């Protein structure tokens, strides 16, 4: 599954993993590292799942914490991503063409 000009998009976005569930139904899985929040990779991955014609579920694997050199947590992507992506569900006005998002921490 790649978004191409033939599908109306020119992003050439490629997910880390794609699994077909049925015709026109699938799961995109993305694994993120340091840029999860600072570069909005979580929102880009949600957008990728939204515009893909054959994906309706997103599995997003993010760090529990990003660490400073002295060992302290710099940021906590898991909590932030869960909150940010949860905002797209539960209100008809903000709904997108993604049926579910599952956020996992490592």
N, C-alpha and C. Protein backbone atom coordinates (compact mmCIF):
# COMPACT_ATOMS: atom_id res chain seq x y z
N UNK A 1 0.84 -1.17 0.00
CA UNK A 1 0.00 0.00 0.00
C UNK A 1 0.89 1.24 0.00
N UNK A 2 0.82 1.97 -1.08
CA UNK A 2 1.55 3.22 -1.22
C UNK A 2 0.58 4.24 -1.79
N UNK A 3 0.60 5.43 -1.27
CA UNK A 3 -0.23 6.49 -1.82
C UNK A 3 0.46 7.04 -3.05
N UNK A 4 -0.21 7.00 -4.19
CA UNK A 4 0.40 7.38 -5.46
C UNK A 4 -0.44 8.44 -6.16
N UNK A 5 0.10 9.05 -7.21
CA UNK A 5 -0.69 10.00 -8.00
C UNK A 5 -1.95 9.36 -8.60
N UNK A 6 -1.89 8.06 -8.88
CA UNK A 6 -3.06 7.37 -9.43
C UNK A 6 -4.22 7.33 -8.42
N UNK A 7 -3.89 7.37 -7.15
CA UNK A 7 -4.95 7.40 -6.13
C UNK A 7 -5.33 8.82 -5.78
N UNK A 8 -4.74 9.78 -6.48
CA UNK A 8 -5.09 11.18 -6.25
C UNK A 8 -4.17 11.91 -5.29
N UNK A 9 -3.13 11.25 -4.82
CA UNK A 9 -2.21 11.86 -3.87
C UNK A 9 -0.78 11.72 -4.37
N UNK A 10 0.02 12.69 -4.12
CA UNK A 10 1.40 12.64 -4.60
C UNK A 10 2.41 12.56 -3.46
N UNK A 11 1.99 12.10 -2.32
CA UNK A 11 2.88 12.07 -1.16
C UNK A 11 3.90 10.95 -1.21
N UNK A 12 3.60 9.86 -1.94
CA UNK A 12 4.44 8.66 -1.95
C UNK A 12 4.64 8.10 -0.54
N UNK A 13 3.68 8.30 0.33
CA UNK A 13 3.78 7.82 1.71
C UNK A 13 3.78 6.31 1.75
N UNK A 14 4.71 5.76 2.48
CA UNK A 14 4.82 4.32 2.65
C UNK A 14 4.76 4.02 4.16
N UNK A 15 3.79 3.22 4.57
CA UNK A 15 3.76 2.85 5.99
C UNK A 15 4.87 1.86 6.31
N UNK A 16 5.20 1.75 7.60
CA UNK A 16 6.18 0.76 8.03
C UNK A 16 5.66 -0.66 7.80
N UNK A 17 4.34 -0.83 7.98
CA UNK A 17 3.73 -2.14 7.81
C UNK A 17 2.29 -1.95 7.40
N UNK A 18 1.81 -2.79 6.49
CA UNK A 18 0.40 -2.76 6.10
C UNK A 18 -0.11 -4.19 6.05
N UNK A 19 -1.29 -4.41 6.63
CA UNK A 19 -1.90 -5.73 6.64
C UNK A 19 -3.33 -5.61 6.13
N UNK A 20 -3.67 -6.41 5.12
CA UNK A 20 -5.02 -6.40 4.57
C UNK A 20 -5.93 -7.29 5.41
N UNK A 21 -7.06 -6.73 5.83
CA UNK A 21 -8.07 -7.50 6.57
C UNK A 21 -9.11 -8.07 5.63
N UNK A 22 -9.54 -7.27 4.68
CA UNK A 22 -10.54 -7.65 3.68
C UNK A 22 -10.40 -6.64 2.54
N UNK A 23 -11.22 -6.79 1.53
CA UNK A 23 -11.16 -5.84 0.43
C UNK A 23 -11.48 -4.44 0.95
N UNK A 24 -10.62 -3.49 0.64
CA UNK A 24 -10.77 -2.09 1.07
C UNK A 24 -10.71 -1.92 2.59
N UNK A 25 -10.14 -2.88 3.30
CA UNK A 25 -9.97 -2.79 4.75
C UNK A 25 -8.57 -3.24 5.11
N UNK A 26 -7.89 -2.45 5.93
CA UNK A 26 -6.56 -2.85 6.34
C UNK A 26 -6.07 -2.09 7.55
N UNK A 27 -4.89 -2.48 7.98
CA UNK A 27 -4.24 -1.87 9.15
C UNK A 27 -2.90 -1.30 8.71
N UNK A 28 -2.66 -0.07 9.10
CA UNK A 28 -1.33 0.53 8.95
C UNK A 28 -0.67 0.48 10.32
N UNK A 29 0.57 0.04 10.36
CA UNK A 29 1.35 0.05 11.60
C UNK A 29 2.57 0.93 11.38
N UNK A 30 2.83 1.81 12.32
CA UNK A 30 3.97 2.72 12.25
C UNK A 30 4.73 2.66 13.57
N UNK A 31 6.05 2.63 13.47
CA UNK A 31 6.92 2.65 14.64
C UNK A 31 7.66 3.98 14.64
N UNK A 32 7.54 4.72 15.72
CA UNK A 32 8.16 6.05 15.82
C UNK A 32 9.26 6.04 16.87
N UNK A 33 10.12 7.06 16.73
CA UNK A 33 11.22 7.22 17.69
C UNK A 33 11.20 8.65 18.21
N UNK A 34 12.28 9.37 18.06
CA UNK A 34 12.44 10.69 18.67
C UNK A 34 11.54 11.78 18.14
N UNK A 35 11.14 11.74 16.87
CA UNK A 35 10.36 12.83 16.30
C UNK A 35 8.86 12.67 16.45
N UNK A 36 8.44 11.76 17.29
CA UNK A 36 7.02 11.47 17.43
C UNK A 36 6.21 12.72 17.70
N UNK A 37 6.64 13.52 18.66
CA UNK A 37 5.91 14.74 19.02
C UNK A 37 6.54 15.96 18.39
N UNK A 38 7.86 16.07 18.46
CA UNK A 38 8.54 17.28 17.99
C UNK A 38 8.34 17.51 16.49
N UNK A 39 8.23 16.45 15.70
CA UNK A 39 7.99 16.59 14.26
C UNK A 39 6.59 16.16 13.85
N UNK A 40 5.72 15.95 14.81
CA UNK A 40 4.32 15.60 14.58
C UNK A 40 4.15 14.32 13.75
N UNK A 41 5.05 13.36 13.92
CA UNK A 41 4.94 12.12 13.17
C UNK A 41 3.65 11.36 13.51
N UNK A 42 3.16 11.50 14.72
CA UNK A 42 1.92 10.83 15.09
C UNK A 42 0.76 11.36 14.26
N UNK A 43 0.69 12.67 14.09
CA UNK A 43 -0.39 13.26 13.29
C UNK A 43 -0.22 12.94 11.81
N UNK A 44 1.00 12.88 11.33
CA UNK A 44 1.25 12.49 9.93
C UNK A 44 0.80 11.05 9.69
N UNK A 45 1.06 10.17 10.65
CA UNK A 45 0.65 8.78 10.51
C UNK A 45 -0.88 8.66 10.53
N UNK A 46 -1.55 9.43 11.36
CA UNK A 46 -3.01 9.43 11.38
C UNK A 46 -3.55 9.94 10.05
N UNK A 47 -2.94 10.99 9.51
CA UNK A 47 -3.36 11.53 8.22
C UNK A 47 -3.15 10.48 7.12
N UNK A 48 -2.03 9.76 7.18
CA UNK A 48 -1.74 8.72 6.20
C UNK A 48 -2.83 7.64 6.22
N UNK A 49 -3.27 7.24 7.40
CA UNK A 49 -4.33 6.25 7.52
C UNK A 49 -5.66 6.82 7.04
N UNK A 50 -5.89 8.10 7.27
CA UNK A 50 -7.13 8.76 6.88
C UNK A 50 -7.27 8.84 5.35
N UNK A 51 -6.22 9.19 4.66
CA UNK A 51 -6.31 9.38 3.22
C UNK A 51 -6.13 8.09 2.43
N UNK A 52 -5.62 7.04 3.04
CA UNK A 52 -5.45 5.76 2.35
C UNK A 52 -6.82 5.11 2.14
N UNK A 53 -7.10 4.74 0.91
CA UNK A 53 -8.41 4.16 0.59
C UNK A 53 -8.61 2.78 1.20
N UNK A 54 -7.54 2.07 1.47
CA UNK A 54 -7.66 0.69 1.94
C UNK A 54 -7.16 0.48 3.36
N UNK A 55 -7.11 1.53 4.16
CA UNK A 55 -6.70 1.40 5.56
C UNK A 55 -7.70 2.12 6.46
N UNK A 56 -8.16 1.43 7.48
CA UNK A 56 -9.12 2.04 8.40
C UNK A 56 -8.71 1.90 9.86
N UNK A 57 -7.54 1.32 10.10
CA UNK A 57 -7.05 1.14 11.46
C UNK A 57 -5.58 1.52 11.50
N UNK A 58 -5.15 2.12 12.59
CA UNK A 58 -3.76 2.53 12.77
C UNK A 58 -3.22 1.94 14.06
N UNK A 59 -2.12 1.22 13.95
CA UNK A 59 -1.37 0.76 15.12
C UNK A 59 -0.13 1.64 15.18
N UNK A 60 0.01 2.39 16.23
CA UNK A 60 1.12 3.33 16.37
C UNK A 60 1.95 2.92 17.58
N UNK A 61 3.22 2.63 17.34
CA UNK A 61 4.14 2.20 18.39
C UNK A 61 5.09 3.36 18.67
N UNK A 62 5.05 3.89 19.88
CA UNK A 62 5.83 5.08 20.24
C UNK A 62 6.62 4.82 21.52
N UNK A 63 7.67 5.60 21.75
CA UNK A 63 8.42 5.45 23.01
C UNK A 63 7.57 5.88 24.20
N UNK A 64 7.77 5.20 25.32
CA UNK A 64 7.10 5.63 26.55
C UNK A 64 7.71 6.96 26.99
N UNK A 65 9.03 7.05 26.94
CA UNK A 65 9.76 8.28 27.27
C UNK A 65 10.89 8.47 26.27
N UNK A 66 11.23 9.72 26.00
CA UNK A 66 12.48 10.06 25.32
C UNK A 66 13.38 10.65 26.40
N UNK A 67 14.64 10.24 26.43
CA UNK A 67 15.52 10.54 27.55
C UNK A 67 16.55 11.61 27.22
N UNK A 68 16.91 12.37 28.24
CA UNK A 68 18.03 13.32 28.15
C UNK A 68 19.32 12.55 28.41
N UNK A 69 20.45 13.21 28.13
CA UNK A 69 21.74 12.56 28.36
C UNK A 69 21.96 12.21 29.83
N UNK A 70 21.39 13.02 30.74
CA UNK A 70 21.59 12.75 32.17
C UNK A 70 20.64 11.69 32.72
N UNK A 71 19.79 11.11 31.86
CA UNK A 71 18.92 10.03 32.29
C UNK A 71 17.51 10.45 32.65
N UNK A 72 17.24 11.74 32.66
CA UNK A 72 15.88 12.19 32.95
C UNK A 72 15.02 12.15 31.69
N UNK A 73 13.71 11.94 31.85
CA UNK A 73 12.84 11.96 30.66
C UNK A 73 12.77 13.37 30.05
N UNK A 74 12.98 13.47 28.74
CA UNK A 74 12.88 14.74 28.03
C UNK A 74 11.42 15.03 27.69
N UNK A 75 10.72 14.00 27.22
CA UNK A 75 9.30 14.11 26.91
C UNK A 75 8.68 12.73 27.04
N UNK A 76 7.38 12.70 27.12
CA UNK A 76 6.65 11.44 27.28
C UNK A 76 5.69 11.27 26.10
N UNK A 77 6.19 10.75 24.98
CA UNK A 77 5.36 10.66 23.78
C UNK A 77 4.10 9.83 23.94
N UNK A 78 4.16 8.73 24.68
CA UNK A 78 3.00 7.86 24.79
C UNK A 78 1.78 8.61 25.32
N UNK A 79 1.95 9.34 26.41
CA UNK A 79 0.83 10.07 26.99
C UNK A 79 0.33 11.17 26.06
N UNK A 80 1.25 11.90 25.46
CA UNK A 80 0.88 13.00 24.57
C UNK A 80 0.17 12.49 23.33
N UNK A 81 0.71 11.44 22.72
CA UNK A 81 0.11 10.88 21.50
C UNK A 81 -1.28 10.33 21.80
N UNK A 82 -1.44 9.63 22.90
CA UNK A 82 -2.75 9.09 23.27
C UNK A 82 -3.79 10.19 23.40
N UNK A 83 -3.40 11.28 24.03
CA UNK A 83 -4.31 12.41 24.21
C UNK A 83 -4.62 13.09 22.88
N UNK A 84 -3.56 13.35 22.08
CA UNK A 84 -3.76 14.07 20.82
C UNK A 84 -4.61 13.28 19.84
N UNK A 85 -4.34 12.00 19.68
CA UNK A 85 -5.10 11.22 18.72
C UNK A 85 -6.50 10.91 19.22
N UNK A 86 -6.67 10.84 20.52
CA UNK A 86 -8.00 10.62 21.09
C UNK A 86 -8.95 11.76 20.79
N UNK A 87 -8.42 12.95 20.52
CA UNK A 87 -9.25 14.11 20.21
C UNK A 87 -10.01 13.97 18.90
N UNK A 88 -9.59 13.06 18.03
CA UNK A 88 -10.25 12.88 16.74
C UNK A 88 -11.46 11.94 16.81
N UNK A 89 -11.73 11.39 17.97
CA UNK A 89 -12.81 10.43 18.13
C UNK A 89 -13.81 10.94 19.16
N UNK A 90 -15.08 10.60 19.00
CA UNK A 90 -16.10 10.92 19.99
C UNK A 90 -16.93 12.15 19.67
N UNK A 91 -16.58 12.91 18.66
CA UNK A 91 -17.36 14.08 18.27
C UNK A 91 -17.51 14.04 16.75
N UNK A 92 -18.74 14.00 16.25
CA UNK A 92 -18.98 13.90 14.81
C UNK A 92 -18.25 14.98 14.01
N UNK A 93 -18.10 16.13 14.58
CA UNK A 93 -17.47 17.24 13.87
C UNK A 93 -15.97 17.01 13.63
N UNK A 94 -15.34 16.22 14.48
CA UNK A 94 -13.90 15.97 14.35
C UNK A 94 -13.58 14.58 13.82
N UNK A 95 -14.59 13.81 13.43
CA UNK A 95 -14.34 12.43 13.01
C UNK A 95 -13.58 12.38 11.70
N UNK A 96 -12.80 11.32 11.56
CA UNK A 96 -12.00 11.08 10.37
C UNK A 96 -12.33 9.67 9.85
N UNK A 97 -11.77 9.33 8.71
CA UNK A 97 -12.04 8.03 8.10
C UNK A 97 -11.09 6.96 8.64
N UNK A 98 -10.92 6.94 9.94
CA UNK A 98 -10.12 5.92 10.62
C UNK A 98 -11.02 5.37 11.73
N UNK A 99 -11.24 4.06 11.71
CA UNK A 99 -12.14 3.48 12.68
C UNK A 99 -11.53 3.31 14.06
N UNK A 100 -10.21 3.04 14.09
CA UNK A 100 -9.57 2.85 15.39
C UNK A 100 -8.09 3.19 15.31
N UNK A 101 -7.58 3.70 16.43
CA UNK A 101 -6.15 3.94 16.61
C UNK A 101 -5.75 3.23 17.88
N UNK A 102 -4.70 2.43 17.79
CA UNK A 102 -4.18 1.70 18.94
C UNK A 102 -2.76 2.18 19.16
N UNK A 103 -2.51 2.77 20.33
CA UNK A 103 -1.18 3.31 20.63
C UNK A 103 -0.51 2.37 21.62
N UNK A 104 0.69 1.92 21.24
CA UNK A 104 1.48 1.02 22.07
C UNK A 104 2.78 1.73 22.46
N UNK A 105 3.26 1.49 23.68
CA UNK A 105 4.51 2.10 24.15
C UNK A 105 5.59 1.04 24.27
N UNK A 106 6.81 1.46 23.98
CA UNK A 106 7.95 0.57 24.19
C UNK A 106 8.99 1.27 25.01
